[in-house]
């Protein structure tokens, strides 16, 4: 008798917030769910973004039957352009708004060989051995879905990002009927969003922020600038509605914000009164109390609009004393330092900054503990796997499942690259596969590794010294030349530079004409390193060059 085995391989999103990517594999057929990016951590110097390591898929590229996208946020879509270039011809499935956001993202990429399929939020798809049933779940963006995946090995429910919002901005509530139907058929495993597993109670509805936003618009004497994610379409609609109440024109700042608004309006997901939208440049000619601006940069990204405004580098908008700036987003874990720095700079420029927890100008799009417990109770799975979150969040979510009566050995807390196989109804953890980071730096993808990051860390901490060694015409070494960057200010440090030259010269006295170039450079660098540390207690990177 042939064993029926479904493998689940997490390539991103476990042990971190971001770069969500999961693989479902049955025999020789693979489905990919999401392919997101993550903001770089503070010690990833110069890195623009982090995407999943999908080497596992590269080794099985002929087995990939489709890519499913749950919703349009960057942590679920940010790496899609890289994925479709890697696997041309693999079909991609997304709901209408998500498809529109992907179109914006892929416009400059070569993806003509990748079929893009728009599917409704209640679609049923048959792809290889998989029967895929979409179900609507509320989040902070319309057209967000989860998936029920049925194979001969059993039914797995993939929640996607969710909360149980009974008054969502778009009016579409969670699909409780389909969730109940899954439970009636018997669910092998539930994979559920863990982001707010440490938060007791219930996550407030998106509607809950409207009173706080109205207070801002009612009290502000100058411009109002609302910073949020460019893909947070529901929040943009809320600001549009309040602008209409208070008679303000609205401009968009940030390329992604402009493009997403155009797309969402075209598809009917944004209702904007005629004449409300104006160009950003036109706001300079208007009275401040007649203007509102939506901007990117709520996570403190250095290149985004809010950060450039805070540092005085934005080409159009300069922060003014009477500006009210609303940060309508929570900091993604790891981004707090950047966000706080931006807030401080905006205050220094005289702006009034409104942010959580000072006012409820943002609510999470993720379920808190009571909603997470409700989903587990509704689904009644045999096995439970918390996903989407840092390890502490996964652990907290697992504890909730055990508290609800699930056997501890039926609850799996795993990290990226730790597969689980479901064979004839029994789950087992398998040997770990690659599931680490791939760094995106400019146009390079994956060409920056840990060694380069360590070098950048050294350079950022103590700078570097270029040690230039030259031979005279008779083959003997001349006095070395020392050039530094990020170590000392060379003007005024003549005494130290002279001493550094002396240390190198003394170390090389017995090497003239006999030692290999490599040995000369190594000996000079070692001598200089020891001298510099003894004098300054610093360890700059030393690069010796023998001319």
Protein backbone atom coordinates (compact mmCIF):
# COMPACT_ATOMS: atom_id res chain seq x y z
CA UNK A 1 0.00 0.00 0.00
CA UNK A 2 1.41 3.40 -1.03
CA UNK A 3 1.83 5.89 1.80
CA UNK A 4 0.13 9.26 1.30
CA UNK A 5 2.60 11.98 2.33
CA UNK A 6 2.17 15.75 2.27
CA UNK A 7 5.30 17.77 3.04
CA UNK A 8 5.20 21.34 4.32
CA UNK A 9 8.43 23.33 4.06
CA UNK A 10 8.62 26.84 5.58
CA UNK A 11 11.15 28.97 3.70
CA UNK A 12 10.31 32.29 5.39
CA UNK A 13 8.12 33.91 8.01
CA UNK A 14 8.91 31.64 10.98
CA UNK A 15 11.16 33.10 13.66
CA UNK A 16 10.78 36.55 12.08
CA UNK A 17 8.20 39.08 10.95
CA UNK A 18 8.46 39.25 7.17
CA UNK A 19 9.57 37.34 4.04
CA UNK A 20 6.70 34.87 4.33
CA UNK A 21 7.04 31.89 2.02
CA UNK A 22 5.79 28.33 2.43
CA UNK A 23 5.88 25.26 0.26
CA UNK A 24 3.37 22.39 0.10
CA UNK A 25 4.65 19.27 -1.67
CA UNK A 26 2.74 16.12 -2.55
CA UNK A 27 4.66 13.50 -4.53
CA UNK A 28 6.07 15.43 -7.52
CA UNK A 29 3.80 18.47 -7.23
CA UNK A 30 4.65 21.69 -5.37
CA UNK A 31 2.53 24.70 -4.44
CA UNK A 32 4.18 27.89 -3.18
CA UNK A 33 2.20 30.17 -0.86
CA UNK A 34 3.45 33.78 -0.77
CA UNK A 35 6.91 35.15 -1.44
CA UNK A 36 7.59 38.20 0.69
CA UNK A 37 10.44 40.45 1.74
CA UNK A 38 11.67 41.67 5.10
CA UNK A 39 13.17 45.00 6.14
CA UNK A 40 16.89 44.64 6.86
CA UNK A 41 17.94 44.51 10.50
CA UNK A 42 20.10 47.28 11.94
CA UNK A 43 23.31 45.23 11.57
CA UNK A 44 22.71 44.49 7.86
CA UNK A 45 24.64 47.52 6.68
CA UNK A 46 23.66 48.80 3.23
CA UNK A 47 21.16 46.01 2.53
CA UNK A 48 17.94 47.16 0.84
CA UNK A 49 15.78 44.12 1.59
CA UNK A 50 15.90 40.49 2.68
CA UNK A 51 14.11 37.75 0.75
CA UNK A 52 13.74 34.00 1.38
CA UNK A 53 16.34 31.47 0.38
CA UNK A 54 14.40 29.34 -2.10
CA UNK A 55 17.20 26.99 -3.11
CA UNK A 56 14.83 24.15 -2.23
CA UNK A 57 12.63 25.23 -5.14
CA UNK A 58 15.53 25.69 -7.53
CA UNK A 59 16.39 22.04 -7.04
CA UNK A 60 12.79 21.06 -7.88
CA UNK A 61 11.80 23.73 -10.40
CA UNK A 62 10.07 21.24 -12.72
CA UNK A 63 7.72 20.19 -9.90
CA UNK A 64 6.27 23.67 -9.16
CA UNK A 65 2.61 23.76 -10.20
CA UNK A 66 1.65 27.24 -9.00
CA UNK A 67 2.25 30.22 -6.74
CA UNK A 68 -0.60 31.37 -4.46
CA UNK A 69 -0.60 34.85 -2.92
CA UNK A 70 -2.75 35.50 0.17
CA UNK A 71 -2.78 39.32 -0.04
CA UNK A 72 -0.92 42.36 -1.30
CA UNK A 73 1.37 43.37 1.57
CA UNK A 74 5.11 43.53 0.98
CA UNK A 75 5.93 40.83 3.53
CA UNK A 76 3.94 38.45 1.31
CA UNK A 77 4.67 39.83 -2.18
CA UNK A 78 7.98 41.72 -2.00
CA UNK A 79 10.10 38.90 -3.47
CA UNK A 80 7.63 37.88 -6.19
CA UNK A 81 9.57 39.70 -8.96
CA UNK A 82 12.66 37.64 -8.13
CA UNK A 83 10.64 34.43 -7.96
CA UNK A 84 8.88 34.80 -11.31
CA UNK A 85 12.17 35.59 -13.03
CA UNK A 86 13.66 32.44 -11.50
CA UNK A 87 10.70 30.25 -12.51
CA UNK A 88 9.22 31.62 -15.76
CA UNK A 89 6.03 29.95 -16.87
CA UNK A 90 4.85 28.96 -13.41
CA UNK A 91 1.28 30.27 -12.98
CA UNK A 92 0.54 32.77 -10.22
CA UNK A 93 -2.89 33.06 -8.57
CA UNK A 94 -4.16 36.13 -6.71
CA UNK A 95 -7.41 37.87 -5.83
CA UNK A 96 -8.30 41.01 -7.84
CA UNK A 97 -6.74 43.71 -5.63
CA UNK A 98 -3.69 41.55 -4.92
CA UNK A 99 -3.31 40.97 -8.65
CA UNK A 100 -3.50 44.73 -9.22
CA UNK A 101 -0.78 45.40 -6.63
CA UNK A 102 1.37 42.70 -8.22
CA UNK A 103 0.89 44.32 -11.63
CA UNK A 104 2.26 47.58 -10.19
CA UNK A 105 5.19 45.71 -8.65
CA UNK A 106 5.99 43.68 -11.75
CA UNK A 107 5.57 46.46 -14.27
CA UNK A 108 9.30 46.96 -14.62
CA UNK A 109 10.18 43.27 -14.40
CA UNK A 110 10.23 40.65 -17.13
CA UNK A 111 7.36 38.40 -16.22
CA UNK A 112 5.62 37.95 -19.54
CA UNK A 113 6.22 34.20 -19.35
CA UNK A 114 4.48 33.97 -15.99
CA UNK A 115 0.70 33.55 -16.35
CA UNK A 116 -1.14 35.72 -13.80
CA UNK A 117 -4.58 34.40 -12.85
CA UNK A 118 -7.14 36.59 -11.09
CA UNK A 119 -9.38 34.51 -8.84
CA UNK A 120 -12.34 35.49 -6.61
CA UNK A 121 -12.04 35.32 -2.83
CA UNK A 122 -14.26 32.20 -2.72
CA UNK A 123 -12.64 30.37 -5.64
CA UNK A 124 -12.06 26.62 -5.79
CA UNK A 125 -9.01 25.60 -7.82
CA UNK A 126 -7.73 22.21 -8.92
CA UNK A 127 -3.96 22.27 -9.40
CA UNK A 128 -2.31 18.88 -9.77
CA UNK A 129 -3.24 16.76 -6.73
CA UNK A 130 -4.31 19.86 -4.78
CA UNK A 131 -7.87 21.08 -4.36
CA UNK A 132 -7.53 24.68 -3.19
CA UNK A 133 -10.44 26.48 -1.55
CA UNK A 134 -10.02 30.19 -0.92
CA UNK A 135 -11.77 31.82 2.03
CA UNK A 136 -11.98 35.49 2.88
CA UNK A 137 -10.29 36.65 6.08
CA UNK A 138 -10.25 40.22 7.38
CA UNK A 139 -6.92 42.01 7.53
CA UNK A 140 -5.81 45.60 6.96
CA UNK A 141 -6.20 45.24 3.20
CA UNK A 142 -9.14 44.10 1.04
CA UNK A 143 -9.18 40.78 -0.82
CA UNK A 144 -7.15 38.99 1.84
CA UNK A 145 -7.62 35.21 1.82
CA UNK A 146 -6.57 31.98 3.44
CA UNK A 147 -6.41 28.57 1.78
CA UNK A 148 -7.87 25.15 2.43
CA UNK A 149 -5.57 22.65 0.72
CA UNK A 150 -6.97 19.17 0.20
CA UNK A 151 -4.72 16.31 -0.93
CA UNK A 152 -4.98 12.54 -0.58
CA UNK A 153 -2.98 12.99 2.66
CA UNK A 154 -5.61 15.25 4.22
CA UNK A 155 -6.93 18.81 4.52
CA UNK A 156 -4.61 21.59 5.68
CA UNK A 157 -5.95 25.06 6.50
CA UNK A 158 -3.56 27.96 5.93
CA UNK A 159 -5.07 31.00 7.70
CA UNK A 160 -2.99 33.72 6.08
CA UNK A 161 -2.88 37.03 7.97
CA UNK A 162 -6.18 37.57 9.73
CA UNK A 163 -8.31 39.08 12.43
CA UNK A 164 -12.05 38.66 13.07
CA UNK A 165 -13.23 42.16 12.20
CA UNK A 166 -17.04 42.46 12.22
CA UNK A 167 -17.01 46.04 10.86
CA UNK A 168 -14.27 46.02 8.20
CA UNK A 169 -13.76 49.15 6.10
CA UNK A 170 -14.68 47.34 2.86
CA UNK A 171 -17.73 45.68 4.44
CA UNK A 172 -16.58 42.11 3.70
CA UNK A 173 -16.53 39.92 6.81
CA UNK A 174 -14.63 36.65 7.36
CA UNK A 175 -16.00 33.55 5.66
CA UNK A 176 -17.16 31.72 8.79
CA UNK A 177 -19.28 29.33 6.72
CA UNK A 178 -16.29 27.90 4.88
CA UNK A 179 -14.29 27.64 8.11
CA UNK A 180 -17.14 25.65 9.66
CA UNK A 181 -17.32 23.45 6.56
CA UNK A 182 -13.61 22.65 6.89
CA UNK A 183 -14.15 21.60 10.51
CA UNK A 184 -17.02 19.32 9.49
CA UNK A 185 -14.81 17.53 6.97
CA UNK A 186 -11.93 17.07 9.42
CA UNK A 187 -8.77 19.19 9.34
CA UNK A 188 -5.40 17.48 9.46
CA UNK A 189 -3.47 20.65 10.33
CA UNK A 190 -4.05 24.34 10.91
CA UNK A 191 -1.29 26.87 10.20
CA UNK A 192 -2.24 30.14 11.85
CA UNK A 193 -1.00 33.74 12.05
CA UNK A 194 0.93 34.31 15.32
CA UNK A 195 1.83 38.00 15.11
CA UNK A 196 -0.27 39.10 18.10
CA UNK A 197 -0.10 35.89 20.12
CA UNK A 198 1.26 37.85 23.09
CA UNK A 199 -1.65 40.30 23.03
CA UNK A 200 -4.67 39.42 25.20
CA UNK A 201 -8.23 40.10 24.13
CA UNK A 202 -9.47 41.03 20.67
CA UNK A 203 -7.82 43.26 18.08
CA UNK A 204 -9.97 46.38 17.52
CA UNK A 205 -11.79 46.85 14.24
CA UNK A 206 -10.34 49.06 11.53
CA UNK A 207 -13.29 51.36 12.22
CA UNK A 208 -11.87 52.06 15.69
CA UNK A 209 -9.26 54.47 14.38
CA UNK A 210 -11.73 56.82 12.69
CA UNK A 211 -12.56 58.89 15.82
CA UNK A 212 -8.86 59.55 16.43
CA UNK A 213 -8.28 60.52 12.80
CA UNK A 214 -11.31 62.81 12.88
CA UNK A 215 -9.93 64.51 16.00
CA UNK A 216 -6.67 65.18 14.17
CA UNK A 217 -8.46 66.68 11.17
CA UNK A 218 -10.77 68.74 13.37
CA UNK A 219 -7.98 70.26 15.48
CA UNK A 220 -5.16 70.74 12.95
CA UNK A 221 -4.50 74.32 11.80
CA UNK A 222 -1.93 73.42 9.14
CA UNK A 223 -1.20 70.59 6.76
CA UNK A 224 -1.91 67.02 7.75
CA UNK A 225 0.54 64.36 6.56
CA UNK A 226 -0.49 60.74 7.13
CA UNK A 227 2.30 58.16 6.80
CA UNK A 228 1.31 54.55 6.26
CA UNK A 229 2.07 51.56 4.03
CA UNK A 230 1.48 52.15 0.33
CA UNK A 231 -0.50 48.91 0.16
CA UNK A 232 -2.80 49.74 3.10
CA UNK A 233 -5.72 50.50 0.80
CA UNK A 234 -8.32 50.43 3.59
CA UNK A 235 -6.46 53.12 5.54
CA UNK A 236 -6.17 55.29 2.44
CA UNK A 237 -9.95 55.05 1.98
CA UNK A 238 -10.50 56.11 5.60
CA UNK A 239 -8.35 59.21 5.11
CA UNK A 240 -10.21 60.01 1.88
CA UNK A 241 -13.54 59.81 3.73
CA UNK A 242 -12.35 62.17 6.48
CA UNK A 243 -10.85 64.60 3.95
CA UNK A 244 -14.30 64.83 2.37
CA UNK A 245 -15.87 65.66 5.75
CA UNK A 246 -13.36 68.43 6.52
CA UNK A 247 -13.01 69.81 3.00
CA UNK A 248 -9.35 69.03 2.43
CA UNK A 249 -7.66 68.20 -0.85
CA UNK A 250 -5.46 65.09 -0.84
CA UNK A 251 -2.08 64.47 -2.46
CA UNK A 252 0.00 61.32 -2.59
CA UNK A 253 3.74 61.31 -1.86
CA UNK A 254 5.86 58.34 -2.85
CA UNK A 255 5.96 56.44 -6.14
CA UNK A 256 4.48 53.25 -4.70
CA UNK A 257 1.69 55.21 -3.00
CA UNK A 258 0.81 57.04 -6.24
CA UNK A 259 0.85 53.86 -8.33
CA UNK A 260 -1.15 51.80 -5.84
CA UNK A 261 -3.83 54.49 -5.49
CA UNK A 262 -4.22 54.73 -9.27
CA UNK A 263 -4.55 50.97 -9.54
CA UNK A 264 -6.98 50.59 -6.61
CA UNK A 265 -9.15 53.41 -7.93
CA UNK A 266 -9.19 51.85 -11.39
CA UNK A 267 -10.30 48.49 -9.95
CA UNK A 268 -12.98 50.08 -7.78
CA UNK A 269 -11.32 49.48 -4.39
CA UNK A 270 -10.98 53.21 -3.67
CA UNK A 271 -13.83 55.70 -3.92
CA UNK A 272 -12.37 59.19 -4.34
CA UNK A 273 -14.64 62.22 -4.79
CA UNK A 274 -14.04 64.07 -8.04
CA UNK A 275 -11.57 66.92 -7.62
CA UNK A 276 -10.18 65.76 -4.28
CA UNK A 277 -6.89 64.35 -5.57
CA UNK A 278 -4.26 66.96 -6.42
CA UNK A 279 -0.61 66.79 -7.41
CA UNK A 280 1.91 67.07 -4.61
CA UNK A 281 3.43 70.16 -6.20
CA UNK A 282 0.04 71.88 -6.26
CA UNK A 283 -0.25 71.71 -2.46
CA UNK A 284 2.49 74.35 -2.19
CA UNK A 285 0.10 76.90 -3.70
CA UNK A 286 -2.79 76.04 -1.37
CA UNK A 287 -3.65 77.14 2.15
CA UNK A 288 -2.12 74.67 4.66
CA UNK A 289 -5.47 74.02 6.35
CA UNK A 290 -6.91 72.86 3.03
CA UNK A 291 -4.27 70.19 2.42
CA UNK A 292 -3.73 66.57 3.43
CA UNK A 293 -0.93 64.35 2.16
CA UNK A 294 -0.52 60.59 2.32
CA UNK A 295 3.11 59.49 2.40
CA UNK A 296 5.23 56.36 2.50
CA UNK A 297 7.87 55.78 5.16
CA UNK A 298 5.95 54.73 8.28
CA UNK A 299 8.74 52.26 9.11
CA UNK A 300 11.49 54.88 9.03
CA UNK A 301 12.96 53.64 5.74
CA UNK A 302 15.78 56.07 4.85
CA UNK A 303 14.78 56.42 1.19
CA UNK A 304 11.03 56.82 1.79
CA UNK A 305 9.13 60.10 1.88
CA UNK A 306 8.79 60.56 5.64
CA UNK A 307 12.51 60.11 6.33
CA UNK A 308 13.47 62.52 3.55
CA UNK A 309 11.03 65.07 4.93
CA UNK A 310 12.47 64.64 8.42
CA UNK A 311 16.01 65.23 7.15
CA UNK A 312 15.07 68.11 4.83
CA UNK A 313 15.94 66.14 1.70
CA UNK A 314 12.52 65.82 0.07
CA UNK A 315 12.39 67.76 -3.22
CA UNK A 316 8.85 69.12 -2.67
CA UNK A 317 7.74 68.95 0.96
CA UNK A 318 9.56 70.76 3.75
CA UNK A 319 8.24 70.20 7.25
CA UNK A 320 6.65 73.35 8.66
CA UNK A 321 5.93 74.37 12.23
CA UNK A 322 2.14 73.94 12.03
CA UNK A 323 2.25 70.56 10.22
CA UNK A 324 0.52 67.63 11.89
CA UNK A 325 2.13 64.33 10.98
CA UNK A 326 0.25 61.11 11.70
CA UNK A 327 2.15 57.82 11.70
CA UNK A 328 -0.64 55.36 11.00
CA UNK A 329 1.28 52.12 11.46
CA UNK A 330 2.90 50.09 14.20
CA UNK A 331 6.65 49.59 14.00
CA UNK A 332 7.61 46.21 12.61
CA UNK A 333 9.85 44.47 15.18
CA UNK A 334 13.40 45.63 14.55
CA UNK A 335 12.33 48.96 13.01
CA UNK A 336 11.57 50.76 16.29
CA UNK A 337 14.90 52.59 16.37
CA UNK A 338 14.42 53.99 12.87
CA UNK A 339 10.85 55.10 13.55
CA UNK A 340 11.73 56.79 16.85
CA UNK A 341 14.59 58.64 15.17
CA UNK A 342 12.23 59.97 12.51
CA UNK A 343 9.68 61.06 15.13
CA UNK A 344 12.36 62.95 17.08
CA UNK A 345 13.56 64.76 13.96
CA UNK A 346 10.02 65.75 13.03
CA UNK A 347 9.51 67.19 16.51
CA UNK A 348 12.80 69.10 16.15
CA UNK A 349 11.41 70.74 13.01
CA UNK A 350 8.38 71.96 14.97
CA UNK A 351 5.79 69.51 13.67
CA UNK A 352 3.09 67.95 15.83
CA UNK A 353 3.55 64.17 15.54
CA UNK A 354 0.65 61.85 16.34
CA UNK A 355 1.35 58.16 16.73
CA UNK A 356 0.37 55.10 18.74
CA UNK A 357 0.14 54.86 21.72
CA UNK A 358 -0.49 58.61 22.06
CA UNK A 359 -3.64 58.24 19.97
CA UNK A 360 -5.38 55.32 18.29
CA UNK A 361 -4.35 56.24 14.76
CA UNK A 362 -3.55 52.64 13.90
CA UNK A 363 -4.86 49.22 14.79
CA UNK A 364 -3.21 45.93 14.00
CA UNK A 365 -4.42 43.78 11.15
CA UNK A 366 -3.60 40.62 13.10
CA UNK A 367 -5.67 38.56 15.52
CA UNK A 368 -5.08 38.76 19.25
CA UNK A 369 -5.33 35.82 21.63
CA UNK A 370 -9.11 35.48 21.83
CA UNK A 371 -9.46 35.49 18.04
CA UNK A 372 -6.62 33.00 17.68
CA UNK A 373 -8.35 30.72 20.18
CA UNK A 374 -11.63 31.14 18.29
CA UNK A 375 -10.04 30.03 15.01
CA UNK A 376 -8.50 26.94 16.62
CA UNK A 377 -11.85 26.11 18.24
CA UNK A 378 -13.72 26.60 14.94
CA UNK A 379 -11.32 24.47 12.89
CA UNK A 380 -10.62 21.76 15.50
CA UNK A 381 -7.43 20.56 13.76
CA UNK A 382 -5.58 17.35 14.57
CA UNK A 383 -2.25 19.20 14.39
CA UNK A 384 -1.44 22.86 14.95
CA UNK A 385 1.52 24.86 13.60
CA UNK A 386 1.88 28.53 14.57
CA UNK A 387 3.34 30.58 11.69
CA UNK A 388 4.06 34.21 10.79
CA UNK A 389 6.01 35.62 13.72
CA UNK A 390 9.13 35.72 15.81
CA UNK A 391 9.94 32.66 17.90
CA UNK A 392 8.46 34.22 21.04
CA UNK A 393 5.17 34.76 19.16
CA UNK A 394 5.13 31.19 17.86
CA UNK A 395 5.74 29.87 21.38
CA UNK A 396 2.93 32.02 22.82
CA UNK A 397 0.53 30.82 20.11
CA UNK A 398 1.48 27.20 20.73
CA UNK A 399 0.70 27.67 24.42
CA UNK A 400 -2.79 28.90 23.52
CA UNK A 401 -3.42 25.73 21.51
CA UNK A 402 -2.30 23.53 24.41
CA UNK A 403 -4.50 25.54 26.80
CA UNK A 404 -7.44 24.73 24.52
CA UNK A 405 -6.79 21.04 25.00
CA UNK A 406 -4.57 20.11 22.06
CA UNK A 407 -1.97 17.44 22.93
CA UNK A 408 1.48 19.08 23.21
CA UNK A 409 2.98 16.52 20.80
CA UNK A 410 0.42 17.64 18.19
CA UNK A 411 1.66 21.25 18.31
CA UNK A 412 4.82 22.03 16.31
CA UNK A 413 6.92 25.14 16.88
CA UNK A 414 9.45 25.24 14.06
CA UNK A 415 11.61 27.79 12.27
CA UNK A 416 12.49 28.37 8.64
CA UNK A 417 13.82 25.31 6.87
CA UNK A 418 12.25 22.79 9.29
CA UNK A 419 9.86 20.62 7.20
CA UNK A 420 6.98 18.59 8.55
CA UNK A 421 5.64 15.52 6.76
CA UNK A 422 2.06 14.31 7.17
CA UNK A 423 1.97 10.61 6.30
CA UNK A 424 -1.34 8.77 6.57
CA UNK A 425 -2.54 11.25 9.18
CA UNK A 426 0.63 11.27 11.29
CA UNK A 427 2.93 14.32 11.48
CA UNK A 428 6.70 14.08 11.76
CA UNK A 429 9.43 16.72 11.66
CA UNK A 430 12.08 16.07 9.00
CA UNK A 431 15.71 17.02 8.60
CA UNK A 432 16.32 20.74 8.19
CA UNK A 433 16.70 22.27 4.72
CA UNK A 434 18.17 25.70 3.79
CA UNK A 435 15.85 28.49 4.90
CA UNK A 436 18.02 31.49 5.60
CA UNK A 437 18.46 35.01 4.26
CA UNK A 438 19.13 36.22 0.73
CA UNK A 439 20.24 39.85 0.69
CA UNK A 440 19.08 42.34 -1.95
CA UNK A 441 21.59 45.15 -2.39
CA UNK A 442 20.91 47.51 -5.29
CA UNK A 443 20.50 45.36 -8.39
CA UNK A 444 22.35 42.44 -6.80
CA UNK A 445 20.41 39.51 -5.38
CA UNK A 446 22.28 36.93 -3.33
CA UNK A 447 25.75 38.22 -4.18
CA UNK A 448 26.17 39.66 -0.67
CA UNK A 449 26.82 37.11 2.06
CA UNK A 450 27.74 37.04 5.76
CA UNK A 451 31.41 37.77 5.05
CA UNK A 452 30.58 41.04 3.28
CA UNK A 453 28.16 42.00 6.05
CA UNK A 454 30.89 41.39 8.65
CA UNK A 455 33.30 43.55 6.62
CA UNK A 456 30.70 46.33 6.50
CA UNK A 457 30.23 46.03 10.25
CA UNK A 458 33.97 46.47 10.81
CA UNK A 459 34.05 49.43 8.43
CA UNK A 460 31.09 51.06 10.16
CA UNK A 461 32.65 50.57 13.58
CA UNK A 462 36.33 51.50 13.13
CA UNK A 463 36.81 52.48 9.47
CA UNK A 464 39.71 51.29 7.36
CA UNK A 465 43.38 51.99 6.66
CA UNK A 466 44.87 51.69 3.19
CA UNK A 467 48.53 50.79 3.63
CA UNK A 468 50.47 51.47 0.40
CA UNK A 469 53.91 49.84 0.12
CA UNK A 470 56.24 50.73 -2.75
CA UNK A 471 59.64 49.49 -3.92
CA UNK A 472 62.41 51.85 -4.94
CA UNK A 473 64.29 51.41 -8.19
CA UNK A 474 66.79 49.14 -6.41
CA UNK A 475 64.01 46.86 -5.16
CA UNK A 476 64.07 48.07 -1.58
CA UNK A 477 60.89 49.17 0.18
CA UNK A 478 60.29 52.90 0.43
CA UNK A 479 58.54 54.57 3.35
CA UNK A 480 54.92 53.37 3.42
CA UNK A 481 51.98 55.66 2.68
CA UNK A 482 48.94 55.49 4.95
CA UNK A 483 45.44 56.63 3.95
CA UNK A 484 42.49 56.32 6.36
CA UNK A 485 38.72 56.67 6.10
CA UNK A 486 36.39 56.48 9.08
CA UNK A 487 39.33 55.93 11.47
CA UNK A 488 40.85 59.32 12.25
CA UNK A 489 40.79 62.78 10.73
CA UNK A 490 44.21 62.79 9.09
CA UNK A 491 44.73 66.55 9.37
CA UNK A 492 45.93 67.12 12.91
CA UNK A 493 46.94 63.48 13.37
CA UNK A 494 50.43 63.79 11.84
CA UNK A 495 52.12 62.43 14.96
CA UNK A 496 50.06 59.24 15.00
CA UNK A 497 50.44 58.72 11.24
CA UNK A 498 54.21 59.14 11.54
CA UNK A 499 54.31 56.60 14.36
CA UNK A 500 52.21 54.16 12.30
CA UNK A 501 54.68 54.55 9.41
CA UNK A 502 57.53 53.85 11.80
CA UNK A 503 55.91 50.68 13.12
CA UNK A 504 55.51 49.32 9.58
CA UNK A 505 59.01 50.33 8.54
CA UNK A 506 60.55 48.62 11.56
CA UNK A 507 58.60 45.43 10.87
CA UNK A 508 59.83 45.31 7.26
CA UNK A 509 63.52 46.06 7.82
CA UNK A 510 64.63 42.48 7.24
CA UNK A 511 62.38 41.64 4.26
CA UNK A 512 64.02 43.59 1.43
CA UNK A 513 64.50 41.52 -1.69
CA UNK A 514 63.85 38.13 -0.12
CA UNK A 515 60.25 37.67 1.00
CA UNK A 516 57.19 37.04 -1.18
CA UNK A 517 54.76 39.89 -1.79
CA UNK A 518 52.05 38.12 0.19
CA UNK A 519 54.34 37.68 3.18
CA UNK A 520 55.39 41.35 3.05
CA UNK A 521 51.80 42.57 2.99
CA UNK A 522 50.74 40.22 5.79
CA UNK A 523 53.68 41.20 7.98
CA UNK A 524 53.09 44.93 7.42
CA UNK A 525 49.35 44.63 8.11
CA UNK A 526 49.92 42.60 11.27
CA UNK A 527 52.46 45.09 12.62
CA UNK A 528 50.20 48.05 11.87
CA UNK A 529 47.17 46.33 13.40
CA UNK A 530 49.02 45.62 16.66
CA UNK A 531 50.37 49.17 16.84
CA UNK A 532 46.99 50.80 16.12
CA UNK A 533 45.22 48.70 18.74
CA UNK A 534 47.89 49.43 21.34
CA UNK A 535 47.63 53.18 20.69
CA UNK A 536 43.88 53.62 20.07
CA UNK A 537 42.09 50.43 21.22
CA UNK A 538 40.47 50.26 17.78
CA UNK A 539 40.55 47.57 15.13
CA UNK A 540 40.05 49.21 11.73
CA UNK A 541 40.14 47.11 8.59
CA UNK A 542 43.66 47.27 7.13
CA UNK A 543 44.13 46.80 3.39
CA UNK A 544 47.81 46.43 2.38
CA UNK A 545 48.82 47.14 -1.23
CA UNK A 546 52.28 46.48 -2.64
CA UNK A 547 52.93 48.62 -5.69
